[in-house]
């Protein structure tokens, strides 16, 4: 069982002068679920190397058992520090693809041609595609036979009300909820900050950070290891 985890390389929060990147718990919770299930993982990003960590996800109130485990795990830290470049990745080597969120993916992965091509390759090969929180935004420019991948699919992702709560509605390049709907997705959500996951065929999406473990469980179940 080989899983490709794709992280952002983008670290600038619009024109605010603040930093962004990937959300730590949305990476660590699935990472350890995959690891403990016996999966082999490759980490990749547009630029390769160390992906930028959203500093807010490193604050004390954002810590969980998986983030604490990561801080003691030299092998995981080394893997994260040496992500492969997306352009070098062959979809044929993997059984599934997973995208952690954070605001970073809205700026780079959503438009990245290598990311889009990889998602298309996984989808056309009948392999699971999973994304959590802001990462479902990376699906919005993916088309299969000139039709948006999310069209008529049951999907979720970071909601407009959650973006408003973190006061970034006017900073992000697009709102995940709006963009999924614009591309024909059948978007739904739970209450803000509650776990919520949609599974439609081989597509798995989670609403927010609280959904990261459930997305990982759904992916493992789809791969037949749970």
Protein backbone atom coordinates (compact mmCIF):
# COMPACT_ATOMS: atom_id res chain seq x y z
CA UNK A 1 0.00 0.00 0.00
CA UNK A 2 1.76 3.11 -1.27
CA UNK A 3 0.28 6.53 -0.52
CA UNK A 4 1.45 9.83 -2.02
CA UNK A 5 1.07 12.82 0.31
CA UNK A 6 1.21 16.18 -1.45
CA UNK A 7 2.04 19.33 0.53
CA UNK A 8 2.16 23.00 -0.39
CA UNK A 9 5.34 24.98 -1.05
CA UNK A 10 3.61 28.36 -0.59
CA UNK A 11 4.39 30.36 2.56
CA UNK A 12 2.94 33.87 2.02
CA UNK A 13 -0.52 34.72 3.35
CA UNK A 14 -1.53 37.03 0.51
CA UNK A 15 -0.32 40.59 1.02
CA UNK A 16 -0.62 40.48 4.82
CA UNK A 17 3.10 40.03 5.43
CA UNK A 18 2.22 36.93 7.48
CA UNK A 19 3.22 33.35 6.82
CA UNK A 20 1.12 30.36 5.85
CA UNK A 21 1.79 26.83 4.59
CA UNK A 22 0.42 23.42 5.49
CA UNK A 23 -1.54 22.71 8.70
CA UNK A 24 0.51 20.46 10.96
CA UNK A 25 -2.25 18.27 12.41
CA UNK A 26 -3.81 17.70 8.99
CA UNK A 27 -0.51 16.12 8.00
CA UNK A 28 0.43 14.30 11.21
CA UNK A 29 -2.92 12.65 12.04
CA UNK A 30 -3.27 10.96 8.62
CA UNK A 31 0.48 10.26 8.42
CA UNK A 32 0.44 8.16 11.58
CA UNK A 33 -2.80 6.41 10.68
CA UNK A 34 -1.26 5.43 7.36
CA UNK A 35 2.04 4.44 9.01
CA UNK A 36 0.37 2.34 11.71
CA UNK A 37 -1.70 0.59 9.02
CA UNK A 38 1.51 -0.48 7.31
CA UNK A 39 1.45 1.96 4.41
CA UNK A 40 4.54 3.13 2.59
CA UNK A 41 4.46 6.90 2.03
CA UNK A 42 6.19 9.37 -0.23
CA UNK A 43 5.90 13.08 0.53
CA UNK A 44 5.99 15.55 -2.35
CA UNK A 45 5.58 19.28 -2.94
CA UNK A 46 5.88 21.66 -5.92
CA UNK A 47 9.39 22.83 -4.98
CA UNK A 48 10.58 19.75 -3.10
CA UNK A 49 12.47 19.94 0.17
CA UNK A 50 10.97 21.30 3.39
CA UNK A 51 7.39 22.52 2.93
CA UNK A 52 6.43 25.62 4.93
CA UNK A 53 4.48 25.07 8.14
CA UNK A 54 1.59 27.40 8.93
CA UNK A 55 2.83 29.01 12.18
CA UNK A 56 -0.68 29.05 13.64
CA UNK A 57 -0.77 25.26 13.45
CA UNK A 58 2.38 25.20 15.61
CA UNK A 59 0.80 27.16 18.46
CA UNK A 60 0.03 25.39 21.77
CA UNK A 61 -3.75 25.32 21.30
CA UNK A 62 -3.41 23.51 17.96
CA UNK A 63 -1.46 20.55 19.31
CA UNK A 64 -2.77 16.98 19.38
CA UNK A 65 -1.40 13.52 20.17
CA UNK A 66 -0.23 13.17 16.56
CA UNK A 67 1.65 16.49 16.51
CA UNK A 68 3.37 15.56 19.78
CA UNK A 69 4.32 12.19 18.31
CA UNK A 70 5.75 13.95 15.27
CA UNK A 71 7.98 16.12 17.47
CA UNK A 72 9.61 12.98 18.84
CA UNK A 73 9.88 11.26 15.46
CA UNK A 74 13.18 11.97 13.73
CA UNK A 75 12.32 9.74 10.75
CA UNK A 76 9.07 11.61 10.05
CA UNK A 77 10.82 14.95 10.42
CA UNK A 78 13.50 13.87 7.96
CA UNK A 79 10.87 12.68 5.47
CA UNK A 80 9.09 16.02 5.70
CA UNK A 81 12.34 17.94 5.26
CA UNK A 82 13.12 16.11 2.02
CA UNK A 83 9.88 16.05 0.03
CA UNK A 84 10.24 15.09 -3.61
CA UNK A 85 9.38 17.49 -6.39
CA UNK A 86 5.92 16.95 -7.84
CA UNK A 87 7.34 17.02 -11.35
CA UNK A 88 9.32 13.84 -10.55
CA UNK A 89 6.35 11.82 -9.30
CA UNK A 90 4.86 8.92 -11.27
CA UNK A 91 1.27 8.15 -10.32
CA UNK A 92 1.78 4.52 -11.33
CA UNK A 93 3.95 3.98 -8.24
CA UNK A 94 1.09 4.71 -5.81
CA UNK A 95 -2.28 3.36 -4.74
CA UNK A 96 -3.78 6.65 -3.50
CA UNK A 97 -3.09 10.37 -3.21
CA UNK A 98 -3.77 12.54 -0.16
CA UNK A 99 -3.63 16.33 0.29
CA UNK A 100 -3.38 17.92 3.75
CA UNK A 101 -4.75 21.44 4.02
CA UNK A 102 -3.59 24.76 5.36
CA UNK A 103 -4.09 27.92 3.35
CA UNK A 104 -0.95 27.40 1.27
CA UNK A 105 -2.50 24.99 -1.29
CA UNK A 106 -4.96 27.68 -2.42
CA UNK A 107 -2.07 29.66 -3.89
CA UNK A 108 0.10 26.96 -5.45
CA UNK A 109 -1.40 23.46 -5.65
CA UNK A 110 -4.79 24.65 -6.90
CA UNK A 111 -3.13 25.84 -10.12
CA UNK A 112 -0.07 23.57 -10.22
CA UNK A 113 -0.02 21.69 -13.55
CA UNK A 114 1.85 18.71 -12.06
CA UNK A 115 -0.67 18.41 -9.23
CA UNK A 116 -3.59 18.64 -11.65
CA UNK A 117 -2.03 16.01 -13.92
CA UNK A 118 -1.41 13.67 -10.98
CA UNK A 119 -5.00 13.91 -9.77
CA UNK A 120 -6.21 13.20 -13.30
CA UNK A 121 -3.90 10.17 -13.51
CA UNK A 122 -5.03 8.76 -10.15
CA UNK A 123 -8.68 9.32 -11.01
CA UNK A 124 -8.49 7.76 -14.45
CA UNK A 125 -6.70 4.74 -12.94
CA UNK A 126 -9.54 4.30 -10.43
CA UNK A 127 -7.35 5.17 -7.46
CA UNK A 128 -8.59 7.10 -4.39
CA UNK A 129 -8.12 10.88 -4.22
CA UNK A 130 -8.43 12.41 -0.74
CA UNK A 131 -8.14 15.98 0.56
CA UNK A 132 -8.98 17.76 3.80
CA UNK A 133 -9.90 21.31 4.88
CA UNK A 134 -8.54 23.81 2.32
CA UNK A 135 -7.03 21.05 0.20
CA UNK A 136 -10.29 20.17 -1.63
CA UNK A 137 -9.57 23.49 -3.36
CA UNK A 138 -6.84 21.67 -5.31
CA UNK A 139 -9.58 19.72 -7.10
CA UNK A 140 -11.32 22.71 -8.60
CA UNK A 141 -9.25 23.08 -11.77
CA UNK A 142 -9.03 19.34 -12.40
CA UNK A 143 -11.07 18.18 -15.39
CA UNK A 144 -11.77 14.69 -16.68
CA UNK A 145 -12.75 14.70 -20.36
CA UNK A 146 -13.32 18.47 -20.16
CA UNK A 147 -15.74 18.11 -17.22
CA UNK A 148 -14.79 19.35 -13.73
CA UNK A 149 -13.84 16.40 -11.53
CA UNK A 150 -16.11 17.61 -8.73
CA UNK A 151 -19.19 18.10 -10.94
CA UNK A 152 -22.16 16.25 -9.44
CA UNK A 153 -19.90 14.77 -6.73
CA UNK A 154 -20.77 14.98 -3.04
CA UNK A 155 -17.94 17.07 -1.61
CA UNK A 156 -17.01 19.17 1.38
CA UNK A 157 -14.15 21.46 2.36
CA UNK A 158 -13.39 24.50 4.52
CA UNK A 159 -16.64 26.40 4.73
CA UNK A 160 -17.25 30.08 4.06
CA UNK A 161 -18.33 30.54 7.68
CA UNK A 162 -15.12 28.96 8.95
CA UNK A 163 -13.05 31.22 6.67
CA UNK A 164 -14.98 34.19 8.00
CA UNK A 165 -14.31 33.04 11.57
CA UNK A 166 -10.53 33.13 10.96
CA UNK A 167 -10.95 36.52 9.23
CA UNK A 168 -9.30 35.51 5.96
CA UNK A 169 -12.28 35.74 3.60
CA UNK A 170 -10.79 38.78 1.83
CA UNK A 171 -7.21 37.43 1.88
CA UNK A 172 -7.47 34.01 0.25
CA UNK A 173 -7.45 33.79 -3.57
CA UNK A 174 -10.77 31.93 -3.50
CA UNK A 175 -13.23 30.41 -1.04
CA UNK A 176 -13.17 26.62 -1.09
CA UNK A 177 -16.93 26.25 -0.58
CA UNK A 178 -17.75 28.72 -3.36
CA UNK A 179 -15.26 27.22 -5.80
CA UNK A 180 -16.48 23.66 -5.28
CA UNK A 181 -20.05 24.81 -5.90
CA UNK A 182 -19.01 26.86 -8.94
CA UNK A 183 -17.54 23.74 -10.51
CA UNK A 184 -20.72 21.76 -9.99
CA UNK A 185 -19.87 20.03 -6.73
CA UNK A 186 -22.74 18.96 -4.45
CA UNK A 187 -21.26 20.75 -1.44
CA UNK A 188 -22.41 20.07 2.11
CA UNK A 189 -21.01 20.79 5.55
CA UNK A 190 -21.46 20.26 9.27
CA UNK A 191 -21.38 22.90 11.98
CA UNK A 192 -18.16 24.91 12.03
CA UNK A 193 -15.14 23.00 13.36
CA UNK A 194 -17.02 19.68 13.64
CA UNK A 195 -15.69 16.57 11.88
CA UNK A 196 -17.38 16.02 8.52
CA UNK A 197 -16.30 13.82 5.61
CA UNK A 198 -17.91 13.07 2.24
CA UNK A 199 -17.11 9.94 0.25
CA UNK A 200 -18.29 9.78 -3.36
CA UNK A 201 -16.85 6.88 -5.31
CA UNK A 202 -13.07 7.18 -5.07
CA UNK A 203 -13.24 10.83 -3.93
CA UNK A 204 -12.84 11.62 -0.21
CA UNK A 205 -13.07 15.17 1.16
CA UNK A 206 -13.02 16.52 4.71
CA UNK A 207 -14.33 19.86 5.92
CA UNK A 208 -11.77 21.11 8.44
CA UNK A 209 -8.83 20.15 10.69
CA UNK A 210 -11.14 18.09 12.91
CA UNK A 211 -11.91 15.91 9.88
CA UNK A 212 -8.33 14.83 9.09
CA UNK A 213 -8.42 11.54 11.02
CA UNK A 214 -11.78 10.57 9.56
CA UNK A 215 -10.52 11.26 6.03
CA UNK A 216 -7.51 9.02 6.69
CA UNK A 217 -9.77 6.26 8.04
CA UNK A 218 -11.99 6.51 4.96
CA UNK A 219 -8.96 6.26 2.68
CA UNK A 220 -7.58 3.23 4.50
CA UNK A 221 -10.98 1.56 4.38
CA UNK A 222 -11.12 2.22 0.64
CA UNK A 223 -7.68 0.66 0.25
CA UNK A 224 -8.90 -2.38 2.16
CA UNK A 225 -6.58 -2.19 5.15
CA UNK A 226 -9.22 -1.46 7.80
